[in-house]
């Protein structure tokens, strides 16, 4: 009997990079990587809406033995959100050209991709994060109580980043 391997987020991120999939880690995980003292147990990604990106992503999930469940449709190409499962771990993957914010305006994948920040993880793996400004926009899509709390953390991180150094 084959032993089940627990979800390895670093392995997943390396696989995304190797497959040259345009992705961004979003949500509270991204906020934590930006330096906020927040906790979360889930992973949320935003991938390019392009058909080729979806094809590459579905192939990757198949190779890794991940189950893909489209939201609102049986066809992943018609779904703006995919839930991906492996060993009890659920990853939410959003794919759309953009989303409207409840506070007005919108945020697009292309905007987030252009302004992304790339950080190096252990072993040299690269992780794509939205800029703090774009991450704040993603929090304004739903504006849940947790999102409002996260926006406060983001504003503080932006203030710290933009504060002039002491003389």
Foldseek 3Di string as FASTA:
>chain_A
DDDFDPDDVLVVLLLCVVLVWAKAWADVVLLVVLPFPDDDDATEMETELDPVNVVSVVVSLVVVVKDKDAPPDNDNNPGQWIWIDGPHGTYIYGYDQWAAFPVGDIAGSVNQSVQWDWDADPPRRIHTHGDLVRSLRVLRRVVDVVSVVSNVSSVVSVCVVPPDDDD
